[in-house]
Amino acid sequence: MLCRRCAAIVPTLPEQHTDIVTHVTAMLLFFIGCWPFCFVPYCSSRCKSAHHYCRYCRTYLGTYRPW
């Protein structure tokens, strides 16, 4: 990825964050009777968004949402 700030071509530094989809999925699992598995969306990267940053200057480059 090309950083807009430092003009370096670097692999990004992703950070996973919970999103509204994570909370809604956990609530749906609870309400349909799968309450022992309500924590699974918080452990899975498929329900989280990834914010990407430059490895050198820590500039925000974008967000990837797998849903």
N, C-alpha and C. Protein backbone atom coordinates (compact mmCIF):
# COMPACT_ATOMS: atom_id res chain seq x y z
N MET A 1 0.84 -1.17 0.00
CA MET A 1 0.00 0.00 0.00
C MET A 1 0.89 1.23 0.00
N LEU A 2 0.46 2.25 -0.70
CA LEU A 2 1.19 3.52 -0.76
C LEU A 2 0.61 4.47 0.28
N CYS A 3 1.47 4.92 1.18
CA CYS A 3 1.05 5.87 2.22
C CYS A 3 0.96 7.27 1.61
N ARG A 4 -0.14 7.95 1.87
CA ARG A 4 -0.34 9.30 1.34
C ARG A 4 0.54 10.33 2.04
N ARG A 5 0.92 10.05 3.26
CA ARG A 5 1.67 11.04 4.04
C ARG A 5 3.18 10.93 3.83
N CYS A 6 3.74 9.73 3.99
CA CYS A 6 5.20 9.58 3.88
C CYS A 6 5.65 9.02 2.54
N ALA A 7 4.72 8.71 1.64
CA ALA A 7 4.98 8.21 0.28
C ALA A 7 5.78 6.91 0.28
N ALA A 8 5.68 6.13 1.31
CA ALA A 8 6.36 4.84 1.38
C ALA A 8 5.41 3.74 0.91
N ILE A 9 5.96 2.75 0.25
CA ILE A 9 5.18 1.59 -0.14
C ILE A 9 5.46 0.52 0.91
N VAL A 10 4.48 0.28 1.76
CA VAL A 10 4.66 -0.61 2.90
C VAL A 10 3.44 -1.51 3.05
N PRO A 11 3.62 -2.68 3.67
CA PRO A 11 2.45 -3.43 4.11
C PRO A 11 1.79 -2.70 5.27
N THR A 12 0.50 -2.76 5.35
CA THR A 12 -0.22 -2.00 6.37
C THR A 12 -0.15 -2.69 7.72
N LEU A 13 -0.47 -1.94 8.74
CA LEU A 13 -0.55 -2.43 10.11
C LEU A 13 -2.03 -2.46 10.50
N PRO A 14 -2.69 -3.63 10.41
CA PRO A 14 -4.12 -3.67 10.71
C PRO A 14 -4.40 -3.78 12.21
N GLU A 15 -5.47 -3.13 12.63
CA GLU A 15 -5.96 -3.24 14.00
C GLU A 15 -7.43 -3.61 13.94
N GLN A 16 -7.81 -4.68 14.62
CA GLN A 16 -9.19 -5.16 14.60
C GLN A 16 -10.02 -4.42 15.64
N HIS A 17 -11.22 -4.02 15.25
CA HIS A 17 -12.12 -3.31 16.14
C HIS A 17 -13.51 -3.94 16.05
N THR A 18 -14.19 -4.01 17.19
CA THR A 18 -15.57 -4.48 17.17
C THR A 18 -16.43 -3.40 16.53
N ASP A 19 -17.49 -3.85 15.90
CA ASP A 19 -18.35 -2.95 15.15
C ASP A 19 -19.79 -3.25 15.55
N ILE A 20 -20.71 -2.52 15.01
CA ILE A 20 -22.13 -2.75 15.31
C ILE A 20 -22.55 -4.15 14.85
N VAL A 21 -21.94 -4.65 13.80
CA VAL A 21 -22.26 -6.00 13.30
C VAL A 21 -21.86 -7.05 14.34
N THR A 22 -20.78 -6.83 15.04
CA THR A 22 -20.34 -7.76 16.09
C THR A 22 -21.38 -7.83 17.20
N HIS A 23 -21.86 -6.68 17.64
CA HIS A 23 -22.84 -6.65 18.73
C HIS A 23 -24.18 -7.23 18.30
N VAL A 24 -24.62 -6.93 17.09
CA VAL A 24 -25.90 -7.44 16.59
C VAL A 24 -25.84 -8.95 16.44
N THR A 25 -24.73 -9.48 15.93
CA THR A 25 -24.58 -10.92 15.79
C THR A 25 -24.64 -11.62 17.14
N ALA A 26 -23.99 -11.05 18.14
CA ALA A 26 -24.02 -11.63 19.49
C ALA A 26 -25.44 -11.60 20.06
N MET A 27 -26.16 -10.50 19.84
CA MET A 27 -27.53 -10.43 20.34
C MET A 27 -28.43 -11.43 19.62
N LEU A 28 -28.25 -11.60 18.32
CA LEU A 28 -29.05 -12.58 17.58
C LEU A 28 -28.80 -14.00 18.09
N LEU A 29 -27.55 -14.33 18.35
CA LEU A 29 -27.25 -15.64 18.90
C LEU A 29 -27.92 -15.83 20.26
N PHE A 30 -27.94 -14.79 21.05
CA PHE A 30 -28.59 -14.88 22.37
C PHE A 30 -30.09 -15.09 22.23
N PHE A 31 -30.74 -14.32 21.36
CA PHE A 31 -32.19 -14.37 21.25
C PHE A 31 -32.71 -15.61 20.54
N ILE A 32 -31.89 -16.27 19.70
CA ILE A 32 -32.38 -17.49 19.06
C ILE A 32 -32.07 -18.73 19.90
N GLY A 33 -31.49 -18.53 21.08
CA GLY A 33 -31.29 -19.63 22.00
C GLY A 33 -29.89 -20.19 22.03
N CYS A 34 -28.96 -19.60 21.35
CA CYS A 34 -27.57 -20.07 21.35
C CYS A 34 -26.74 -19.22 22.31
N TRP A 35 -27.26 -18.95 23.49
CA TRP A 35 -26.59 -18.05 24.41
C TRP A 35 -25.20 -18.52 24.84
N PRO A 36 -24.88 -19.85 24.86
CA PRO A 36 -23.50 -20.20 25.21
C PRO A 36 -22.47 -19.76 24.15
N PHE A 37 -22.93 -19.43 22.95
CA PHE A 37 -22.02 -19.06 21.87
C PHE A 37 -22.05 -17.56 21.56
N CYS A 38 -22.58 -16.76 22.45
CA CYS A 38 -22.67 -15.31 22.22
C CYS A 38 -21.31 -14.63 22.16
N PHE A 39 -20.30 -15.24 22.72
CA PHE A 39 -18.97 -14.63 22.72
C PHE A 39 -18.21 -14.86 21.41
N VAL A 40 -18.66 -15.79 20.58
CA VAL A 40 -17.95 -16.16 19.35
C VAL A 40 -17.74 -14.97 18.41
N PRO A 41 -18.73 -14.08 18.17
CA PRO A 41 -18.47 -12.94 17.28
C PRO A 41 -17.34 -12.03 17.77
N TYR A 42 -17.12 -11.97 19.07
CA TYR A 42 -16.06 -11.13 19.61
C TYR A 42 -14.67 -11.76 19.43
N CYS A 43 -14.63 -13.07 19.21
CA CYS A 43 -13.36 -13.78 18.98
C CYS A 43 -13.06 -13.96 17.50
N SER A 44 -14.05 -13.83 16.66
CA SER A 44 -13.89 -14.06 15.23
C SER A 44 -13.55 -12.77 14.49
N SER A 45 -12.60 -12.85 13.58
CA SER A 45 -12.23 -11.66 12.80
C SER A 45 -13.24 -11.38 11.69
N ARG A 46 -14.13 -12.33 11.38
CA ARG A 46 -15.13 -12.14 10.34
C ARG A 46 -16.22 -11.15 10.74
N CYS A 47 -16.38 -10.89 12.01
CA CYS A 47 -17.40 -9.95 12.49
C CYS A 47 -16.81 -8.62 12.91
N LYS A 48 -15.53 -8.42 12.70
CA LYS A 48 -14.86 -7.19 13.10
C LYS A 48 -14.36 -6.44 11.88
N SER A 49 -14.21 -5.15 12.01
CA SER A 49 -13.62 -4.36 10.93
C SER A 49 -12.14 -4.16 11.23
N ALA A 50 -11.34 -4.02 10.17
CA ALA A 50 -9.90 -3.84 10.32
C ALA A 50 -9.52 -2.45 9.83
N HIS A 51 -8.96 -1.66 10.73
CA HIS A 51 -8.47 -0.34 10.38
C HIS A 51 -6.99 -0.48 10.03
N HIS A 52 -6.61 0.01 8.86
CA HIS A 52 -5.24 -0.14 8.38
C HIS A 52 -4.46 1.16 8.53
N TYR A 53 -3.23 1.05 9.04
CA TYR A 53 -2.36 2.19 9.28
C TYR A 53 -1.00 1.95 8.63
N CYS A 54 -0.30 3.02 8.31
CA CYS A 54 1.06 2.94 7.79
C CYS A 54 1.98 2.46 8.90
N ARG A 55 2.90 1.56 8.58
CA ARG A 55 3.83 1.03 9.58
C ARG A 55 4.84 2.07 10.05
N TYR A 56 5.13 3.05 9.23
CA TYR A 56 6.16 4.02 9.57
C TYR A 56 5.61 5.26 10.27
N CYS A 57 4.60 5.88 9.70
CA CYS A 57 4.13 7.16 10.27
C CYS A 57 2.77 7.04 10.96
N ARG A 58 2.19 5.84 10.99
CA ARG A 58 0.91 5.56 11.68
C ARG A 58 -0.26 6.36 11.12
N THR A 59 -0.22 6.72 9.85
CA THR A 59 -1.32 7.42 9.20
C THR A 59 -2.43 6.42 8.90
N TYR A 60 -3.66 6.82 9.16
CA TYR A 60 -4.83 5.98 8.84
C TYR A 60 -4.97 5.89 7.32
N LEU A 61 -5.06 4.66 6.80
CA LEU A 61 -5.14 4.44 5.36
C LEU A 61 -6.52 3.98 4.89
N GLY A 62 -7.26 3.33 5.74
CA GLY A 62 -8.59 2.87 5.34
C GLY A 62 -9.12 1.79 6.25
N THR A 63 -10.36 1.37 6.00
CA THR A 63 -11.02 0.35 6.78
C THR A 63 -11.51 -0.77 5.87
N TYR A 64 -11.31 -2.00 6.29
CA TYR A 64 -11.83 -3.18 5.59
C TYR A 64 -12.91 -3.80 6.44
N ARG A 65 -14.06 -3.99 5.85
CA ARG A 65 -15.18 -4.66 6.54
C ARG A 65 -15.49 -5.94 5.76
N PRO A 66 -15.38 -7.11 6.39
CA PRO A 66 -15.57 -8.36 5.66
C PRO A 66 -17.04 -8.70 5.36
N TRP A 67 -17.96 -7.91 5.80
CA TRP A 67 -19.38 -8.18 5.56
C TRP A 67 -19.90 -7.33 4.52
